Protein backbone atom coordinates (compact mmCIF):
# COMPACT_ATOMS: atom_id res chain seq x y z
CA UNK A 1 96.46 150.70 -72.76
CA UNK A 2 99.10 150.14 -75.42
CA UNK A 3 98.23 147.61 -78.12
CA UNK A 4 100.63 144.79 -78.98
CA UNK A 5 100.91 145.95 -82.60
CA UNK A 6 101.99 149.39 -81.37
CA UNK A 7 104.76 147.86 -79.25
CA UNK A 8 105.77 145.75 -82.25
CA UNK A 9 106.00 148.90 -84.36
CA UNK A 10 108.14 150.71 -81.78
CA UNK A 11 110.61 147.81 -81.58
CA UNK A 12 110.79 147.48 -85.39
CA UNK A 13 111.44 151.20 -85.86
CA UNK A 14 114.14 151.15 -83.17
CA UNK A 15 116.00 148.23 -84.75
CA UNK A 16 115.76 149.81 -88.21
CA UNK A 17 117.20 153.05 -86.89
CA UNK A 18 119.84 151.36 -84.70
CA UNK A 19 120.70 147.94 -86.21
CA UNK A 20 123.63 147.59 -83.84
CA UNK A 21 121.10 147.16 -81.01
CA UNK A 22 119.93 143.84 -82.46
CA UNK A 23 122.50 141.83 -80.51
CA UNK A 24 121.54 143.15 -77.08
CA UNK A 25 117.97 144.39 -77.47
CA UNK A 26 116.70 141.31 -75.64
CA UNK A 27 118.57 142.58 -72.58
CA UNK A 28 116.99 146.00 -73.04
CA UNK A 29 113.46 144.56 -73.16
CA UNK A 30 114.22 142.31 -70.18
CA UNK A 31 115.32 145.26 -68.02
CA UNK A 32 112.29 147.29 -69.11
CA UNK A 33 110.03 144.48 -67.87
CA UNK A 34 111.92 143.84 -64.62
CA UNK A 35 113.15 147.29 -63.62
CA UNK A 36 110.75 149.73 -65.27
CA UNK A 37 110.03 151.25 -68.68
CA UNK A 38 112.68 153.55 -70.15
CA UNK A 39 111.30 155.16 -73.29
CA UNK A 40 114.77 156.42 -74.28
CA UNK A 41 115.53 152.81 -75.22
CA UNK A 42 113.19 153.27 -78.22
CA UNK A 43 113.77 155.51 -81.23
CA UNK A 44 111.88 158.76 -81.62
CA UNK A 45 111.86 158.27 -85.41
CA UNK A 46 108.44 158.08 -87.08
CA UNK A 47 106.73 158.73 -83.71
CA UNK A 48 107.73 155.28 -82.43
CA UNK A 49 108.60 156.51 -78.93
CA UNK A 50 105.56 158.74 -78.58
CA UNK A 51 103.27 155.90 -79.72
CA UNK A 52 104.16 153.90 -76.59
CA UNK A 53 104.10 156.74 -74.12
CA UNK A 54 102.55 155.34 -70.94
CA UNK A 55 103.69 151.78 -71.69
CA UNK A 56 103.68 149.59 -68.57
CA UNK A 57 105.88 146.62 -67.63
CA UNK A 58 102.87 144.28 -67.70
CA UNK A 59 101.92 145.45 -71.20
CA UNK A 60 105.42 144.74 -72.45
CA UNK A 61 105.40 141.27 -70.88
CA UNK A 62 101.93 140.66 -72.33
CA UNK A 63 103.40 141.48 -75.75
CA UNK A 64 106.18 138.92 -75.31
CA UNK A 65 103.79 136.17 -74.16
CA UNK A 66 101.34 136.82 -76.97
CA UNK A 67 104.08 136.86 -79.61
CA UNK A 68 105.47 133.58 -78.28
CA UNK A 69 102.05 131.95 -78.68
CA UNK A 70 101.53 133.59 -82.07
CA UNK A 71 104.90 132.31 -83.27
CA UNK A 72 104.21 128.78 -82.07
CA UNK A 73 100.77 128.89 -83.68
CA UNK A 74 102.39 129.85 -86.99
CA UNK A 75 105.01 127.11 -86.62
CA UNK A 76 102.47 124.34 -86.13
CA UNK A 77 100.42 125.70 -89.01
CA UNK A 78 103.49 125.38 -91.28
CA UNK A 79 105.08 122.33 -89.64
CA UNK A 80 102.27 120.35 -87.95
CA UNK A 81 104.63 117.53 -86.90
CA UNK A 82 106.22 119.90 -84.36
CA UNK A 83 103.14 119.89 -82.13
CA UNK A 84 103.35 116.19 -81.36
CA UNK A 85 107.15 116.00 -81.39
CA UNK A 86 107.09 113.63 -84.37
CA UNK A 87 109.94 113.27 -86.80
CA UNK A 88 110.47 116.32 -89.05
CA UNK A 89 111.80 115.85 -92.57
CA UNK A 90 115.22 117.25 -93.46
CA UNK A 91 113.91 120.02 -95.73
CA UNK A 92 111.23 121.07 -93.24
CA UNK A 93 113.81 121.14 -90.44
CA UNK A 94 116.16 123.28 -92.53
CA UNK A 95 113.34 125.71 -93.29
CA UNK A 96 112.23 125.73 -89.64
CA UNK A 97 115.75 126.51 -88.39
CA UNK A 98 116.17 129.25 -90.98
CA UNK A 99 112.95 131.13 -90.31
CA UNK A 100 112.30 130.29 -86.64
CA UNK A 101 115.80 130.16 -85.18
CA UNK A 102 114.73 129.62 -81.57
CA UNK A 103 111.69 127.44 -82.25
CA UNK A 104 112.53 124.78 -79.66
CA UNK A 105 112.59 127.34 -76.84
CA UNK A 106 109.26 128.77 -78.07
CA UNK A 107 107.71 125.31 -78.14
CA UNK A 108 108.93 124.40 -74.66
CA UNK A 109 107.78 127.67 -73.12
CA UNK A 110 104.34 127.54 -74.73
CA UNK A 111 103.86 124.01 -73.42
CA UNK A 112 104.90 125.20 -69.95
CA UNK A 113 102.40 128.06 -70.18
CA UNK A 114 99.63 125.61 -71.01
CA UNK A 115 100.45 123.55 -67.90
CA UNK A 116 101.17 126.47 -65.56
CA UNK A 117 98.94 126.54 -62.45
CA UNK A 118 99.81 130.08 -61.33
CA UNK A 119 99.45 133.51 -62.93
CA UNK A 120 101.70 133.53 -66.03
CA UNK A 121 102.95 137.06 -65.37
CA UNK A 122 104.05 136.20 -61.85
CA UNK A 123 105.55 132.94 -63.12
CA UNK A 124 107.93 134.71 -65.49
CA UNK A 125 108.81 137.56 -63.16
CA UNK A 126 109.80 134.97 -60.53
CA UNK A 127 111.88 133.02 -63.08
CA UNK A 128 114.18 135.62 -64.68
CA UNK A 129 116.24 133.08 -66.64
CA UNK A 130 113.13 131.72 -68.33
CA UNK A 131 111.89 135.24 -68.96
CA UNK A 132 115.11 136.33 -70.64
CA UNK A 133 115.26 133.13 -72.70
CA UNK A 134 111.70 133.69 -73.92
CA UNK A 135 112.30 137.37 -74.77
CA UNK A 136 115.44 136.45 -76.68
CA UNK A 137 113.64 133.70 -78.62
CA UNK A 138 110.72 135.96 -79.55
CA UNK A 139 112.91 138.83 -80.73
CA UNK A 140 115.30 136.59 -82.67
CA UNK A 141 112.37 135.18 -84.62
CA UNK A 142 110.26 138.31 -85.13
CA UNK A 143 113.36 140.37 -85.93
CA UNK A 144 115.33 137.57 -87.58
CA UNK A 145 118.70 139.10 -88.57
CA UNK A 146 118.55 137.18 -91.86
CA UNK A 147 115.75 139.54 -92.85
CA UNK A 148 117.55 142.68 -91.66
CA UNK A 149 121.10 142.31 -93.09
CA UNK A 150 123.42 145.33 -93.21
CA UNK A 151 125.28 146.86 -96.14
CA UNK A 152 128.97 147.73 -95.84
CA UNK A 153 128.25 151.20 -94.51
CA UNK A 154 125.89 149.93 -91.79
CA UNK A 155 122.66 151.05 -93.42
CA UNK A 156 119.72 148.64 -93.67
CA UNK A 157 118.63 147.93 -97.23
CA UNK A 158 115.12 149.14 -97.98
CA UNK A 159 114.07 145.84 -99.56
CA UNK A 160 115.12 143.96 -96.45
CA UNK A 161 113.12 146.28 -94.22
CA UNK A 162 110.09 145.35 -96.25
CA UNK A 163 111.02 141.70 -96.06
CA UNK A 164 111.27 141.92 -92.28
CA UNK A 165 107.86 143.56 -91.99
CA UNK A 166 106.36 140.98 -94.32
CA UNK A 167 107.83 138.13 -92.30
CA UNK A 168 106.20 139.38 -89.08
CA UNK A 169 102.88 139.84 -90.90
CA UNK A 170 103.17 136.29 -92.22
CA UNK A 171 103.59 134.97 -88.67
CA UNK A 172 100.52 136.93 -87.52
CA UNK A 173 98.39 135.84 -90.48
CA UNK A 174 99.32 132.19 -90.00
CA UNK A 175 98.53 132.36 -86.29
CA UNK A 176 95.10 133.92 -87.00
CA UNK A 177 94.24 130.87 -89.10
CA UNK A 178 94.92 128.52 -86.20
CA UNK A 179 92.36 128.31 -83.37
CA UNK A 180 94.12 125.56 -81.40
CA UNK A 181 95.80 128.03 -79.03
CA UNK A 182 92.89 130.45 -78.52
CA UNK A 183 92.48 129.19 -74.97
CA UNK A 184 96.06 130.21 -74.15
CA UNK A 185 95.59 133.69 -75.66
CA UNK A 186 92.53 134.02 -73.47
CA UNK A 187 94.50 132.84 -70.42
CA UNK A 188 97.20 135.46 -71.06
CA UNK A 189 94.59 138.20 -71.28
CA UNK A 190 92.91 137.10 -68.04
CA UNK A 191 96.22 136.88 -66.16
CA UNK A 192 97.22 140.30 -67.51
CA UNK A 193 93.97 141.80 -66.26
CA UNK A 194 94.47 140.16 -62.88
CA UNK A 195 97.97 141.57 -62.31
CA UNK A 196 96.98 144.95 -63.75
CA UNK A 197 93.76 145.20 -61.69
CA UNK A 198 91.61 145.60 -64.81
CA UNK A 199 87.91 144.91 -64.32
CA UNK A 200 84.78 144.71 -66.45
CA UNK A 201 86.04 146.02 -69.81
CA UNK A 202 87.37 143.20 -71.96
CA UNK A 203 89.01 144.42 -75.15
CA UNK A 204 90.47 142.25 -77.88
CA UNK A 205 93.63 144.28 -78.59
CA UNK A 206 95.55 141.78 -80.70
CA UNK A 207 92.80 140.96 -83.23
CA UNK A 208 92.77 137.41 -81.87
CA UNK A 209 89.42 135.76 -81.63
CA UNK A 210 88.70 136.10 -77.93
CA UNK A 211 85.07 136.70 -78.89
CA UNK A 212 84.80 133.13 -80.15
CA UNK A 213 86.69 131.79 -77.14
CA UNK A 214 84.37 133.57 -74.68
CA UNK A 215 81.31 132.22 -76.46
CA UNK A 216 82.71 128.70 -76.35
CA UNK A 217 83.65 128.80 -72.66
CA UNK A 218 80.53 130.74 -71.61
CA UNK A 219 82.44 133.64 -70.06
CA UNK A 220 81.16 136.40 -72.36
CA UNK A 221 77.86 136.78 -70.49
CA UNK A 222 79.70 137.30 -67.19
CA UNK A 223 81.04 140.73 -68.13
CA UNK A 224 79.30 144.08 -68.18
CA UNK A 225 81.15 145.38 -71.22
CA UNK A 226 83.00 143.66 -74.06
CA UNK A 227 84.86 144.98 -77.10
CA UNK A 228 86.14 142.74 -79.90
CA UNK A 229 88.01 143.09 -83.18
CA UNK A 230 89.13 140.50 -85.70
CA UNK A 231 91.09 140.69 -88.97
CA UNK A 232 90.76 144.47 -89.10
CA UNK A 233 87.22 144.30 -90.52
CA UNK A 234 85.05 142.52 -87.95
CA UNK A 235 84.08 144.43 -84.80
CA UNK A 236 81.63 143.97 -81.93
CA UNK A 237 80.64 145.80 -78.75
CA UNK A 238 78.35 144.77 -75.88
CA UNK A 239 77.15 146.56 -72.77
CA UNK A 240 74.85 145.37 -69.99
CA UNK A 241 73.10 148.76 -69.91
CA UNK A 242 71.82 150.62 -66.87
CA UNK A 243 68.75 148.61 -65.88
CA UNK A 244 69.64 144.94 -66.22
CA UNK A 245 71.46 142.81 -63.63
CA UNK A 246 72.56 140.22 -66.20
CA UNK A 247 74.10 140.22 -69.65
CA UNK A 248 71.59 138.21 -71.69
CA UNK A 249 72.95 139.25 -75.09
CA UNK A 250 75.60 137.16 -76.81
CA UNK A 251 77.71 138.34 -79.74
CA UNK A 252 79.95 136.47 -82.17
CA UNK A 253 82.46 137.46 -84.85
CA UNK A 254 84.60 134.78 -86.49
CA UNK A 255 86.18 133.54 -89.70
CA UNK A 256 86.24 130.03 -91.10
CA UNK A 257 89.38 128.12 -90.00
CA UNK A 258 90.29 127.35 -93.62
CA UNK A 259 89.37 130.66 -95.25
CA UNK A 260 89.55 134.08 -93.58
CA UNK A 261 87.28 135.56 -96.26
CA UNK A 262 84.44 133.26 -95.14
CA UNK A 263 83.02 135.22 -92.19
CA UNK A 264 80.23 134.94 -89.65
CA UNK A 265 78.82 137.61 -87.34
CA UNK A 266 75.82 137.18 -85.06
CA UNK A 267 73.87 138.81 -82.23
CA UNK A 268 71.46 136.93 -79.94
CA UNK A 269 69.22 138.59 -77.34
CA UNK A 270 68.15 136.12 -74.66
CA UNK A 271 64.75 136.11 -72.97
CA UNK A 272 63.11 134.21 -70.15
CA UNK A 273 64.68 136.07 -67.25
CA UNK A 274 68.28 136.21 -66.13
CA UNK A 275 70.05 132.86 -66.45
CA UNK A 276 67.43 131.38 -68.78
CA UNK A 277 67.95 134.11 -71.36
CA UNK A 278 71.72 134.22 -71.09
CA UNK A 279 72.02 130.44 -71.40
CA UNK A 280 69.79 130.41 -74.47
CA UNK A 281 71.70 133.17 -76.28
CA UNK A 282 75.13 131.79 -75.39
CA UNK A 283 74.25 128.23 -76.37
CA UNK A 284 72.75 129.40 -79.68
CA UNK A 285 75.93 131.18 -80.75
CA UNK A 286 78.17 128.40 -79.44
CA UNK A 287 76.28 125.81 -81.50
CA UNK A 288 76.26 128.13 -84.51
CA UNK A 289 80.04 128.66 -84.28
CA UNK A 290 80.76 124.93 -84.16
CA UNK A 291 78.50 124.32 -87.16
CA UNK A 292 80.19 127.12 -89.12
CA UNK A 293 83.70 125.86 -88.34
CA UNK A 294 82.76 122.42 -89.65
CA UNK A 295 81.39 123.66 -92.99
CA UNK A 296 83.22 122.49 -96.13
CA UNK A 297 84.59 125.35 -98.22
CA UNK A 298 82.12 124.72 -101.04
CA UNK A 299 79.62 126.63 -98.88
CA UNK A 300 81.77 129.74 -99.37
CA UNK A 301 81.22 129.42 -103.11
CA UNK A 302 77.59 128.24 -103.11
CA UNK A 303 75.05 130.34 -101.22
CA UNK A 304 72.16 128.18 -102.45
CA UNK A 305 73.39 125.25 -100.36
CA UNK A 306 74.13 127.54 -97.43
CA UNK A 307 70.62 129.02 -97.60
CA UNK A 308 68.94 125.68 -96.86
CA UNK A 309 71.52 124.49 -94.34
CA UNK A 310 71.35 127.71 -92.32
CA UNK A 311 67.57 127.49 -91.96
CA UNK A 312 67.90 123.85 -90.92
CA UNK A 313 70.62 124.44 -88.32
CA UNK A 314 68.64 127.29 -86.71
CA UNK A 315 65.64 125.00 -86.30
CA UNK A 316 67.87 122.29 -84.87
CA UNK A 317 69.47 124.69 -82.38
CA UNK A 318 66.02 125.96 -81.43
CA UNK A 319 64.93 122.43 -80.50
CA UNK A 320 68.13 121.94 -78.47
CA UNK A 321 67.59 125.22 -76.57
CA UNK A 322 64.02 124.18 -75.74
CA UNK A 323 65.15 120.76 -74.49
CA UNK A 324 68.11 122.04 -72.48
CA UNK A 325 66.78 125.20 -70.87
CA UNK A 326 63.00 125.31 -71.28
CA UNK A 327 60.46 123.96 -68.79
CA UNK A 328 56.79 124.29 -67.85
CA UNK A 329 57.67 127.04 -65.40
CA UNK A 330 60.17 128.98 -67.48
CA UNK A 331 60.38 130.01 -71.12
CA UNK A 332 63.96 130.13 -72.33
CA UNK A 333 64.66 131.54 -75.76
CA UNK A 334 66.58 134.09 -77.76
CA UNK A 335 66.31 136.28 -80.81
CA UNK A 336 68.97 135.75 -83.45
CA UNK A 337 70.37 137.73 -86.34
CA UNK A 338 73.32 136.18 -88.14
CA UNK A 339 75.19 137.07 -91.34
CA UNK A 340 77.51 134.73 -93.23
CA UNK A 341 79.74 136.37 -95.85
CA UNK A 342 80.47 134.14 -98.85
CA UNK A 343 82.44 134.86 -102.00
CA UNK A 344 79.79 136.98 -103.70
CA UNK A 345 76.70 136.79 -101.50
CA UNK A 346 75.96 137.43 -97.84
CA UNK A 347 73.33 135.16 -96.29
CA UNK A 348 71.39 136.60 -93.36
CA UNK A 349 69.02 134.81 -91.00
CA UNK A 350 66.85 136.47 -88.37
CA UNK A 351 64.45 135.23 -85.71
CA UNK A 352 62.65 137.76 -83.50
CA UNK A 353 63.41 141.47 -83.49
CA UNK A 354 67.20 141.73 -83.65
CA UNK A 355 68.10 143.46 -86.91
CA UNK A 356 70.57 143.61 -89.81
CA UNK A 357 71.34 146.87 -91.63
CA UNK A 358 73.43 147.53 -94.75
CA UNK A 359 75.24 150.84 -95.32
CA UNK A 360 76.48 152.11 -98.68
CA UNK A 361 77.19 155.56 -100.15
CA UNK A 362 75.84 157.40 -97.12
CA UNK A 363 72.59 155.45 -96.94
CA UNK A 364 71.51 152.93 -94.31
CA UNK A 365 68.98 150.26 -95.24
CA UNK A 366 67.19 147.79 -92.98
CA UNK A 367 67.52 144.27 -94.43
CA UNK A 368 65.43 142.22 -92.00
CA UNK A 369 61.83 142.44 -90.80
CA UNK A 370 60.99 142.20 -87.11
CA UNK A 371 58.97 139.14 -86.18
CA UNK A 372 56.87 141.13 -83.73
CA UNK A 373 53.29 142.07 -83.08
CA UNK A 374 53.82 145.80 -83.71
CA UNK A 375 55.66 145.14 -87.00
CA UNK A 376 52.81 142.98 -88.29
CA UNK A 377 50.25 145.60 -87.28
CA UNK A 378 52.24 148.33 -89.00
CA UNK A 379 52.63 146.21 -92.14
CA UNK A 380 48.91 145.37 -92.22
CA UNK A 381 47.95 149.05 -91.71
CA UNK A 382 50.21 150.19 -94.54
CA UNK A 383 48.94 147.50 -96.91
CA UNK A 384 45.35 148.48 -96.10
CA UNK A 385 46.15 152.12 -96.83
CA UNK A 386 48.14 151.11 -99.92
CA UNK A 387 51.29 152.94 -98.96
CA UNK A 388 54.88 151.70 -98.59
CA UNK A 389 56.64 151.29 -95.25
CA UNK A 390 58.85 154.29 -94.48
CA UNK A 391 61.68 154.75 -92.03
CA UNK A 392 59.41 156.96 -89.97
CA UNK A 393 57.08 153.97 -89.64
CA UNK A 394 59.96 151.73 -88.55
CA UNK A 395 61.42 154.30 -86.14
CA UNK A 396 58.01 154.83 -84.52
CA UNK A 397 57.61 151.12 -83.74
CA UNK A 398 59.86 151.47 -80.69
CA UNK A 399 57.38 153.84 -79.06
CA UNK A 400 54.34 151.61 -79.71
CA UNK A 401 52.73 149.70 -76.80
CA UNK A 402 53.78 146.06 -76.79
CA UNK A 403 56.95 146.70 -78.80
CA UNK A 404 58.71 143.88 -76.94
CA UNK A 405 56.21 141.19 -77.93
CA UNK A 406 57.93 139.00 -80.51
CA UNK A 407 56.24 136.24 -82.49
CA UNK A 408 59.19 133.88 -83.00
CA UNK A 409 62.27 132.92 -81.00
CA UNK A 410 65.03 130.33 -81.00
CA UNK A 411 63.85 127.91 -78.32
CA UNK A 412 60.14 128.33 -79.04
CA UNK A 413 57.82 125.92 -80.84
CA UNK A 414 56.95 128.53 -83.44
CA UNK A 415 60.51 129.31 -84.52
CA UNK A 416 60.39 130.68 -88.06
CA UNK A 417 63.86 131.63 -89.37
CA UNK A 418 63.74 134.18 -92.20
CA UNK A 419 66.57 134.11 -94.75
CA UNK A 420 67.76 137.11 -96.76
CA UNK A 421 70.34 137.14 -99.56
CA UNK A 422 72.24 140.29 -100.56
CA UNK A 423 75.15 140.73 -102.93
CA UNK A 424 78.41 141.68 -101.22
CA UNK A 425 78.72 144.68 -103.52
CA UNK A 426 75.38 145.98 -102.17
CA UNK A 427 77.03 147.23 -98.98
CA UNK A 428 80.22 148.77 -97.64
CA UNK A 429 79.33 148.15 -94.00
CA UNK A 430 77.06 145.52 -92.49
CA UNK A 431 75.58 145.92 -89.00
CA UNK A 432 73.74 143.60 -86.62
CA UNK A 433 71.96 144.97 -83.51
CA UNK A 434 69.92 143.74 -80.57
CA UNK A 435 66.84 145.82 -79.73
CA UNK A 436 68.81 147.46 -76.92
CA UNK A 437 70.43 149.43 -79.76
CA UNK A 438 67.66 150.05 -82.32
CA UNK A 439 65.05 150.86 -79.67
CA UNK A 440 67.22 153.79 -78.58
CA UNK A 441 68.70 154.89 -81.91
CA UNK A 442 66.83 155.99 -85.02
CA UNK A 443 67.95 155.10 -88.52
CA UNK A 444 69.42 158.60 -88.84
CA UNK A 445 71.38 158.17 -85.58
CA UNK A 446 72.95 154.93 -86.81
CA UNK A 447 73.57 156.34 -90.29
CA UNK A 448 75.38 159.39 -88.88
CA UNK A 449 77.71 157.28 -86.72
CA UNK A 450 78.40 154.87 -89.62
CA UNK A 451 79.29 157.80 -91.88
CA UNK A 452 81.45 159.85 -89.52
CA UNK A 453 83.22 157.33 -87.25
CA UNK A 454 86.43 155.34 -87.93
CA UNK A 455 85.56 151.70 -88.71
CA UNK A 456 87.11 150.27 -85.55
CA UNK A 457 85.04 152.65 -83.37
CA UNK A 458 81.59 152.36 -85.00
CA UNK A 459 80.13 149.58 -82.83
CA UNK A 460 81.62 151.22 -79.72
CA UNK A 461 80.03 154.59 -80.49
CA UNK A 462 76.67 153.05 -81.40
CA UNK A 463 76.44 151.10 -78.14
CA UNK A 464 77.74 154.08 -76.17
CA UNK A 465 74.97 156.30 -77.55
CA UNK A 466 72.33 153.63 -76.89
CA UNK A 467 73.22 153.37 -73.20
CA UNK A 468 73.70 157.10 -72.61
CA UNK A 469 70.96 158.89 -74.60
CA UNK A 470 67.20 158.73 -74.15
CA UNK A 471 64.96 158.19 -77.18
CA UNK A 472 62.06 160.64 -77.38
CA UNK A 473 58.89 160.16 -79.44
CA UNK A 474 55.16 160.82 -79.44
CA UNK A 475 52.06 158.61 -79.47
CA UNK A 476 49.10 159.07 -81.81
CA UNK A 477 47.60 161.62 -79.41
CA UNK A 478 50.73 163.75 -79.27
CA UNK A 479 51.79 162.59 -75.82
CA UNK A 480 55.54 162.57 -75.24
CA UNK A 481 57.13 159.13 -74.79
CA UNK A 482 60.63 158.58 -73.43
CA UNK A 483 62.64 155.37 -73.74
CA UNK A 484 65.30 155.56 -71.07
CA UNK A 485 68.95 155.22 -72.09
CA UNK A 486 70.47 151.84 -71.30
CA UNK A 487 67.05 150.25 -70.66
CA UNK A 488 68.36 146.89 -71.93
CA UNK A 489 71.53 145.05 -72.86
CA UNK A 490 72.92 146.65 -76.04
CA UNK A 491 74.96 144.71 -78.62
CA UNK A 492 76.35 145.59 -82.03
CA UNK A 493 78.43 143.64 -84.54
CA UNK A 494 79.84 144.96 -87.80
CA UNK A 495 81.64 143.81 -90.92
CA UNK A 496 83.45 146.68 -92.66
CA UNK A 497 84.14 145.82 -96.32
CA UNK A 498 85.63 149.19 -97.16
C-alpha cells in the first residue's frame, strides 16, 4: 500500500519540475481516480514516480479525503470560529483567504462527509462534480500558488520550494494537534478498507491517532492485528497470536492535545477469559486516555505531582473495572504498564507482569519488576544467597511453573501500582510489552532487534518474532522446555527518542 505522505511527495515533486501543470493538475488527479492510474502523469525526478509504483485509484482518493480533513482540522485550529459558522474578523478572514483559498468548499465537503450514510469512496465516485471540486480545493491549498511563484524564466525559486514544503508541514502539524476529527479519519480508513477488500491488518499510515480512536470506540480488540504510528516517534503493534480466539490486549499511544512533547504509551493485558479480559483492558486504557487528555500542562513540567496523580488514577480505574465487569462468577482484570514522557522525566507505572524496558548505547535494561509469584520467589532466593538478580534469572522466569500467576491486577482488590521515575536522557528507546512478547523473547532477542531495526519497524519485528518463534529453555533438572510461538496475544509499544 502507498502511504499518503508518499503520494504527497510525488505530487510536490511533479509540480516543482513542471510548474505549468499547476493550473490543470486537479484534472489529472481526477482522471487518475476515475479512469485509472497513469504514472507518466508524475515526474521521474528524485524517484517520485517509482515511489508510487503500484498506486491504486482508491489510495489516491483516500489521500484526497484525508488531506481535506487534515486541512479543515488545521483551519479550525487556527480559526475556531469557522467550525460553528460564527462571524470571522476582517484580519482573520484575510489570512484565511490567503492561505486556504478554497476553505469554504473544504468546510462544506467535510461536513457532508460527517453526515454521509453510505461509503465515502462510493459517494464521491458517484458524484463526479463534487469529487472534482474537492480535489481542486485540496490541491489549491496544499500547493497554494502563492507559495510556488515563478521567476521570469519559468524556474521555481529555491526559497519558495522550501516555503511550500513548510506550509504543507504546518497544515499537518496543526491537524495532529486537533482530535475533534479523529472519528472522520477513522471512518475514511474503514471505508477505504471496505472498498479495497482489506481485512484484519489495520495500519495507521498517516500518523493520525487511530490508535486512540480505536481505544475510545472499543474497536481495537476486534482485530487480529494492528499497527500504529504517531508523530514519527511513537509506534505500536498487536497480534492475537496463534492460540487465542480473542484479542484481550489493548495498546495506546497518544500525545497531549496541548503539547505534542507530552506523551503517553501503554499496554494492558486482560484476564478473566475472553470478553471479561478484553473489556477490562480496553476500559483501562480508555479511562487512562481521557484522564491524560484532561491534565493541565503543569504536569508536563512537574513529575512529582504526576507521580501521585498517576498512582491515584490507576487505583480509581481499578475500582471502576471491578464494579463494571467483575462478579462472583467471573474475575475481570488486566495488567498495565504505562509510561508518561514529561519535559525531563518519564514516569512509569506497572501492575502485574507487563514490562517496560529502556534501551541506550546498545544496552537494554528492564525498568519494572513483575508482580508475580515466580518473580518474588526468584527475588527471595537471590537475597538469601546474597547475589544480585541477573538477566539469566529474569529470562529463566518464563520457563518456571506458575509463571502466569500474578499478584496484582487492575480490577482486583489487591491492586498495587508501582511507580518508576527515569530521566529522559537515560534512554534512546523506551519499550512496553505484554507477556506474550517477553515470554517468547529473551533480553538479547529484544536488544538485537532494537539495535538493528529501523525505528518504525521495531515493534512490528518484535511482535512478529514472538508469534513465529518458539522459546526454548531448561528446568533445574535439565529437561527441555518449549514455549510455543504465538501462545498468547502479543503487544508492543515504543517511544523512539533518537
